[in-house]
Amino acid sequence: MRSNPRPAIPRRAARSCAVLALLLNAACGANSSASATSPDTTVSGPTSPGAFTIRMPIDASDTAHNAYGLWPYGVHGGGHASDGHPGWDIEFRLGANALAAADGIVDSMVAAMTPGAVAVQLRHTVGGRAYRTVYQNIGTLAAGITVNASVKAGQAIGVPVTQTLMIGTSNVTFAMIHFQVDDFSNPPGGLTNPMATGPDLYMDAAARPLMDAIWSEASYNQELCEPFVSNPRGATFPLTRVWTRESGAGFARIEFTRLDVNTSDYEYRLFGDGGTVVESGTLRLSANGRPPTSVTLQPSSGAARPALFDIAGDTMRIDIRAPGAPTPTSLAAATVYRTTNGVGSN
């Protein structure tokens, strides 16, 4: 079922409809495209990944999930409506330091979009190739972080600024950095941040378990259509993702369509074993903030169907109940579905 030979990073994430507003603090953005498409899963990666390796820019003890935990590469929304997110937004424990992901030189420090914060950019040269890592939303710089200073992997870059945002009915205080990897050997992608690539392409073996742990608890409301840690940046909207039954007694196929890049409005279609549509309607995600997540499927006529789901990379477990039934409390009776895997770059 996987279209890329690299294994997908395990993924469990909840969908919070209020999280979209959080993402306005990320890097660049534009207006949405308008044409209908299925997700592009043939995106390219760096020409020879592996020469340059990175660690996670956060210690295991400093991870947090007050807001969203991690917002992945390539996702469309917030300030990244037309071009897809060019990095990861990683949430930190308040007061914790962001860390250099690799040995390098401080190339620049420029104002970030978040008031009172800067983006620290490190340059790296490995095997004659040039790379850059970006650490945006740093509020307090660590000692020794100045332009042209040498830094070592794991060295403190600085403390992310603290932010407060209303999510649902609660004020949430959190800290995050936008972390980005630019590979200057890549052909330009024609987007903003055209050299940006999925950071997971460069992670060393020691970084992956920590990535898995952070990713397993991430919460973002685009997951039904953009479920990977690296998603294609060139996707256009309305965006449809197809999930095909692998095991269980549920519907043969489910299609989720995100209608507009600037909203979280979804439509769904349920298919029977004969390949015909047996139900269609609109979808509403819950705002519970953690996996598994409840969802309401409202058909064009009749009572709504409650459901509970969890997504792990290209695999979704979902229990869709009969119209008017109570919401399931576990995934013990879930049907397993698969989607085509895609690992994003430009």
Protein backbone atom coordinates (compact mmCIF):
# COMPACT_ATOMS: atom_id res chain seq x y z
CA MET A 1 0.00 0.00 0.00
CA ARG A 2 2.98 2.36 0.42
CA SER A 3 4.14 4.41 -2.53
CA ASN A 4 7.48 5.33 -1.00
CA PRO A 5 10.13 2.82 0.16
CA ARG A 6 10.85 4.79 3.32
CA PRO A 7 8.72 3.64 6.27
CA ALA A 8 6.06 6.09 7.38
CA ILE A 9 6.53 7.55 10.84
CA PRO A 10 3.78 6.20 13.11
CA ARG A 11 1.06 8.73 13.64
CA ARG A 12 -1.82 9.10 16.02
CA ALA A 13 -3.43 12.52 16.09
CA ALA A 14 -6.60 14.17 17.18
CA ARG A 15 -8.37 16.81 15.21
CA SER A 16 -9.34 20.03 17.00
CA CYS A 17 -11.46 22.43 14.93
CA ALA A 18 -10.11 25.33 16.97
CA VAL A 19 -6.46 24.56 16.29
CA LEU A 20 -6.47 26.18 12.84
CA ALA A 21 -6.23 29.65 14.35
CA LEU A 22 -3.05 28.67 16.16
CA LEU A 23 -1.27 28.14 12.90
CA LEU A 24 -1.47 31.77 11.89
CA ASN A 25 1.77 32.21 13.84
CA ALA A 26 3.71 30.02 11.44
CA ALA A 27 5.91 31.26 8.59
CA CYS A 28 4.48 32.42 5.21
CA GLY A 29 1.03 32.13 3.61
CA ALA A 30 -1.18 32.98 0.64
CA ASN A 31 -4.70 32.42 -0.69
CA SER A 32 -5.99 29.01 -1.68
CA SER A 33 -6.08 27.37 -5.09
CA ALA A 34 -9.48 26.39 -6.43
CA SER A 35 -9.31 23.27 -8.60
CA ALA A 36 -10.39 19.82 -7.41
CA THR A 37 -7.76 17.13 -7.01
CA SER A 38 -6.77 14.00 -5.17
CA PRO A 39 -3.62 14.26 -3.05
CA ASP A 40 -0.36 14.19 -5.02
CA THR A 41 1.68 11.31 -3.62
CA THR A 42 4.53 11.45 -6.14
CA VAL A 43 6.36 14.36 -4.57
CA SER A 44 10.15 14.39 -4.72
CA GLY A 45 12.69 14.34 -1.93
CA PRO A 46 16.30 15.55 -1.78
CA THR A 47 18.62 14.16 -4.45
CA SER A 48 20.69 12.15 -1.95
CA PRO A 49 19.27 12.23 1.59
CA GLY A 50 21.50 10.90 4.32
CA ALA A 51 24.66 12.95 3.85
CA PHE A 52 23.22 15.65 6.09
CA THR A 53 21.56 14.39 9.27
CA ILE A 54 19.74 16.18 12.03
CA ARG A 55 18.57 15.54 15.55
CA MET A 56 15.27 16.81 16.89
CA PRO A 57 15.52 20.46 17.98
CA ILE A 58 13.92 19.60 21.33
CA ASP A 59 14.79 17.40 24.30
CA ALA A 60 12.38 14.63 25.24
CA SER A 61 11.74 16.27 28.62
CA ASP A 62 10.72 19.55 26.96
CA THR A 63 7.87 18.36 24.75
CA ALA A 64 4.36 19.68 25.38
CA HIS A 65 0.80 19.42 24.14
CA ASN A 66 -0.97 22.44 25.54
CA ALA A 67 -2.11 23.50 22.08
CA TYR A 68 -1.29 21.09 19.23
CA GLY A 69 2.03 19.33 19.89
CA LEU A 70 3.22 19.36 16.29
CA TRP A 71 1.86 20.72 13.01
CA PRO A 72 3.46 18.82 10.12
CA TYR A 73 5.17 19.67 6.84
CA GLY A 74 3.09 20.43 3.76
CA VAL A 75 -0.24 20.95 5.54
CA HIS A 76 -2.47 23.68 4.12
CA GLY A 77 -4.18 26.14 6.43
CA GLY A 78 -3.57 29.12 8.65
CA GLY A 79 -0.81 31.18 7.04
CA HIS A 80 -0.06 28.46 4.48
CA ALA A 81 -3.15 28.43 2.33
CA SER A 82 -1.68 28.07 -1.15
CA ASP A 83 1.84 26.75 -0.63
CA GLY A 84 1.68 24.28 2.26
CA HIS A 85 3.58 24.48 5.51
CA PRO A 86 7.37 24.50 4.79
CA GLY A 87 8.42 22.93 8.10
CA TRP A 88 7.20 21.66 11.46
CA ASP A 89 5.67 23.73 14.25
CA ILE A 90 6.91 22.03 17.42
CA GLU A 91 5.44 22.83 20.82
CA PHE A 92 7.77 23.24 23.82
CA ARG A 93 7.43 23.17 27.57
CA LEU A 94 7.27 26.80 28.72
CA GLY A 95 10.79 28.10 29.37
CA ALA A 96 12.57 25.24 27.56
CA ASN A 97 15.30 25.87 25.00
CA ALA A 98 15.13 25.08 21.31
CA LEU A 99 18.27 23.20 20.28
CA ALA A 100 20.47 23.21 17.20
CA ALA A 101 19.58 20.22 15.03
CA ALA A 102 23.10 19.95 13.55
CA ASP A 103 26.55 21.51 13.72
CA GLY A 104 26.55 24.81 11.86
CA ILE A 105 27.14 28.55 11.70
CA VAL A 106 24.63 31.22 12.69
CA ASP A 107 23.82 32.75 9.30
CA SER A 108 21.27 35.36 10.34
CA MET A 109 18.69 36.42 12.88
CA VAL A 110 15.61 38.11 11.44
CA ALA A 111 12.30 39.26 12.88
CA ALA A 112 9.68 36.51 13.14
CA MET A 113 5.97 37.01 12.50
CA THR A 114 5.27 36.55 16.21
CA PRO A 115 5.78 39.90 17.99
CA GLY A 116 8.96 40.02 20.07
CA ALA A 117 10.48 36.93 18.43
CA VAL A 118 13.27 36.25 15.96
CA ALA A 119 14.06 33.50 13.49
CA VAL A 120 17.56 32.10 13.94
CA GLN A 121 18.98 30.57 10.75
CA LEU A 122 21.95 28.21 10.76
CA ARG A 123 23.92 27.29 7.65
CA HIS A 124 25.43 23.86 7.20
CA THR A 125 27.83 22.48 4.57
CA VAL A 126 28.13 18.70 4.26
CA GLY A 127 29.80 16.88 1.36
CA GLY A 128 29.96 20.08 -0.66
CA ARG A 129 26.21 20.65 -0.32
CA ALA A 130 24.59 23.61 1.41
CA TYR A 131 21.74 23.34 3.90
CA ARG A 132 19.97 25.67 6.30
CA THR A 133 17.94 25.05 9.45
CA VAL A 134 15.51 27.66 10.74
CA TYR A 135 14.30 28.15 14.33
CA GLN A 136 11.51 30.72 14.29
CA ASN A 137 9.74 32.32 17.29
CA ILE A 138 12.79 32.52 19.57
CA GLY A 139 12.11 35.10 22.27
CA THR A 140 15.26 34.88 24.40
CA LEU A 141 18.54 33.97 22.70
CA ALA A 142 20.92 31.60 24.44
CA ALA A 143 24.42 32.74 25.31
CA GLY A 144 26.78 32.71 22.34
CA ILE A 145 24.11 32.82 19.63
CA THR A 146 25.30 35.66 17.43
CA VAL A 147 25.74 36.00 13.68
CA ASN A 148 28.72 33.93 12.41
CA ALA A 149 29.03 32.01 15.70
CA SER A 150 29.72 28.27 15.45
CA VAL A 151 27.20 25.99 17.14
CA LYS A 152 27.14 22.27 17.88
CA ALA A 153 24.22 19.90 17.50
CA GLY A 154 22.21 19.99 20.72
CA GLN A 155 23.44 23.45 21.71
CA ALA A 156 20.76 25.81 23.02
CA ILE A 157 19.49 28.33 20.47
CA GLY A 158 17.06 30.11 22.76
CA VAL A 159 13.68 30.02 24.48
CA PRO A 160 10.53 30.26 22.32
CA VAL A 161 8.16 33.10 23.15
CA THR A 162 5.09 32.28 25.23
CA GLN A 163 1.77 32.76 23.46
CA THR A 164 -1.85 32.67 24.62
CA LEU A 165 -4.78 31.81 22.39
CA MET A 166 -8.45 31.02 22.84
CA ILE A 167 -9.16 27.40 21.82
CA GLY A 168 -12.82 26.57 22.08
CA THR A 169 -13.82 28.09 25.41
CA SER A 170 -10.38 27.96 27.04
CA ASN A 171 -7.37 30.27 27.02
CA VAL A 172 -4.35 28.12 26.18
CA THR A 173 -0.80 29.22 26.93
CA PHE A 174 1.92 27.54 24.90
CA ALA A 175 5.32 27.97 23.25
CA MET A 176 6.44 26.72 19.85
CA ILE A 177 9.05 27.08 17.14
CA HIS A 178 8.65 26.80 13.41
CA PHE A 179 11.48 24.39 12.48
CA GLN A 180 12.52 24.22 8.83
CA VAL A 181 15.17 22.44 6.75
CA ASP A 182 16.27 23.98 3.44
CA ASP A 183 18.29 21.89 0.96
CA PHE A 184 19.92 24.19 -1.59
CA SER A 185 20.76 21.25 -3.88
CA ASN A 186 17.04 20.71 -4.48
CA PRO A 187 15.48 22.20 -7.60
CA PRO A 188 13.34 25.19 -6.61
CA GLY A 189 9.75 24.25 -5.97
CA GLY A 190 8.17 27.42 -7.27
CA LEU A 191 6.57 28.12 -3.88
CA THR A 192 7.45 30.41 -1.02
CA ASN A 193 10.37 28.77 0.80
CA PRO A 194 11.10 26.77 -2.38
CA MET A 195 14.10 24.89 -0.96
CA ALA A 196 12.23 23.66 2.13
CA THR A 197 12.02 19.87 2.51
CA GLY A 198 10.40 17.48 4.96
CA PRO A 199 12.65 17.43 8.05
CA ASP A 200 12.02 13.71 8.52
CA LEU A 201 14.12 13.02 5.40
CA TYR A 202 17.23 13.97 7.35
CA MET A 203 16.60 12.64 10.86
CA ASP A 204 19.24 10.34 12.31
CA ALA A 205 18.26 7.06 13.94
CA ALA A 206 18.41 8.51 17.44
CA ALA A 207 15.94 11.26 16.53
CA ARG A 208 13.18 8.99 15.25
CA PRO A 209 11.92 7.57 18.57
CA LEU A 210 11.47 11.10 19.91
CA MET A 211 9.77 12.13 16.68
CA ASP A 212 7.41 9.16 17.01
CA ALA A 213 6.52 10.11 20.58
CA ILE A 214 5.76 13.74 19.72
CA TRP A 215 3.86 12.82 16.57
CA SER A 216 1.73 10.23 18.35
CA GLU A 217 0.04 12.94 20.43
CA ALA A 218 -0.17 15.73 17.85
CA SER A 219 -3.54 17.43 17.21
CA TYR A 220 -4.45 19.13 13.97
CA ASN A 221 -7.70 19.38 12.06
CA GLN A 222 -6.37 18.67 8.54
CA GLU A 223 -5.42 15.05 9.24
CA LEU A 224 -8.28 13.34 7.41
CA CYS A 225 -6.91 14.60 4.09
CA GLU A 226 -3.28 15.41 4.98
CA PRO A 227 -2.34 12.69 7.46
CA PHE A 228 1.45 12.41 7.16
CA VAL A 229 4.36 14.01 8.94
CA SER A 230 5.38 15.27 5.46
CA ASN A 231 2.56 16.07 3.04
CA PRO A 232 2.74 17.33 -0.57
CA ARG A 233 2.90 21.12 -0.62
CA GLY A 234 1.38 21.36 -4.08
CA ALA A 235 -2.06 20.00 -3.18
CA THR A 236 -5.03 22.07 -4.37
CA PHE A 237 -8.57 22.34 -3.07
CA PRO A 238 -11.17 20.90 -2.74
CA LEU A 239 -8.86 18.08 -1.57
CA THR A 240 -10.05 14.47 -1.43
CA ARG A 241 -8.35 11.53 0.27
CA VAL A 242 -9.52 7.95 -0.28
CA TRP A 243 -9.40 5.38 2.53
CA THR A 244 -9.86 1.73 1.46
CA ARG A 245 -10.98 -1.00 3.86
CA GLU A 246 -8.24 -3.43 4.85
CA SER A 247 -10.03 -5.40 7.55
CA GLY A 248 -13.27 -5.30 9.50
CA ALA A 249 -16.93 -5.09 8.65
CA GLY A 250 -17.32 -1.42 7.83
CA PHE A 251 -17.87 0.37 4.54
CA ALA A 252 -15.67 -0.71 1.63
CA ARG A 253 -14.28 2.77 1.04
CA ILE A 254 -14.49 6.21 2.59
CA GLU A 255 -13.71 9.50 0.88
CA PHE A 256 -13.10 12.67 2.87
CA THR A 257 -13.04 15.99 1.02
CA ARG A 258 -11.81 19.19 2.61
CA LEU A 259 -13.70 21.86 0.73
CA ASP A 260 -11.63 24.97 1.29
CA VAL A 261 -8.07 25.55 2.44
CA ASN A 262 -9.13 28.38 4.74
CA THR A 263 -11.77 26.39 6.63
CA SER A 264 -12.22 22.98 8.22
CA ASP A 265 -15.40 22.12 6.31
CA TYR A 266 -15.48 18.50 5.14
CA GLU A 267 -17.75 16.33 3.04
CA TYR A 268 -17.73 12.53 3.12
CA ARG A 269 -18.86 9.64 0.92
CA LEU A 270 -19.37 6.06 2.12
CA PHE A 271 -19.10 3.25 -0.46
CA GLY A 272 -20.54 -0.26 -0.34
CA ASP A 273 -18.84 -3.45 -1.51
CA GLY A 274 -20.25 -2.97 -4.99
CA GLY A 275 -18.44 0.33 -5.39
CA THR A 276 -21.55 2.50 -5.23
CA VAL A 277 -22.06 5.45 -2.90
CA VAL A 278 -24.42 4.44 -0.10
CA GLU A 279 -24.31 7.72 1.82
CA SER A 280 -22.87 11.22 1.55
CA GLY A 281 -23.02 14.34 3.62
CA THR A 282 -21.02 16.75 5.75
CA LEU A 283 -18.61 16.04 8.58
CA ARG A 284 -17.97 17.77 11.89
CA LEU A 285 -14.87 17.09 13.98
CA SER A 286 -14.86 17.27 17.76
CA ALA A 287 -12.55 19.58 19.69
CA ASN A 288 -11.41 17.07 22.32
CA GLY A 289 -7.73 17.70 21.59
CA ARG A 290 -6.36 14.16 21.86
CA PRO A 291 -6.66 10.86 19.94
CA PRO A 292 -8.91 9.00 19.39
CA THR A 293 -11.27 11.67 18.12
CA SER A 294 -15.03 11.69 17.76
CA VAL A 295 -16.66 12.91 14.59
CA THR A 296 -20.24 13.43 13.43
CA LEU A 297 -21.29 12.35 9.93
CA GLN A 298 -24.42 14.22 8.90
CA PRO A 299 -26.05 12.72 5.77
CA SER A 300 -27.96 14.85 3.31
CA SER A 301 -31.14 13.51 4.93
CA GLY A 302 -31.85 11.63 8.13
CA ALA A 303 -30.15 11.28 11.50
CA ALA A 304 -26.42 11.82 12.02
CA ARG A 305 -23.94 8.99 12.45
CA PRO A 306 -21.47 9.24 15.37
CA ALA A 307 -17.98 7.85 14.84
CA LEU A 308 -14.62 7.53 16.60
CA PHE A 309 -11.33 7.38 14.71
CA ASP A 310 -7.56 7.35 15.02
CA ILE A 311 -5.00 7.71 12.22
CA ALA A 312 -1.49 6.20 12.27
CA GLY A 313 0.38 7.23 9.11
CA ASP A 314 -1.39 5.59 6.19
CA THR A 315 -3.70 3.58 8.48
CA MET A 316 -7.02 4.71 9.94
CA ARG A 317 -9.11 2.86 12.51
CA ILE A 318 -12.68 4.12 12.57
CA ASP A 319 -15.92 2.92 14.14
CA ILE A 320 -18.89 4.45 12.32
CA ARG A 321 -22.16 3.76 14.09
CA ALA A 322 -25.73 3.61 12.82
CA PRO A 323 -27.70 6.86 12.50
CA GLY A 324 -28.83 8.09 15.91
CA ALA A 325 -26.66 5.62 17.86
CA PRO A 326 -24.47 6.75 20.77
CA THR A 327 -20.87 7.71 20.09
CA PRO A 328 -18.49 4.74 20.50
CA THR A 329 -16.25 4.91 23.56
CA SER A 330 -13.37 2.85 22.16
CA LEU A 331 -11.98 1.51 18.89
CA ALA A 332 -12.43 -2.15 19.85
CA ALA A 333 -14.94 -2.63 17.00
CA ALA A 334 -13.17 -0.36 14.50
CA THR A 335 -12.64 -1.13 10.82
CA VAL A 336 -9.10 -0.63 9.48
CA TYR A 337 -8.55 1.45 6.34
CA ARG A 338 -5.47 2.36 4.30
CA THR A 339 -4.58 5.31 2.12
CA THR A 340 -1.73 5.88 -0.32
CA ASN A 341 1.40 7.00 1.47
CA GLY A 342 3.16 10.17 0.42
CA VAL A 343 6.30 11.78 1.85
CA GLY A 344 6.52 15.46 1.00
CA SER A 345 9.26 17.72 -0.19
CA ASN A 346 8.74 20.60 -2.62
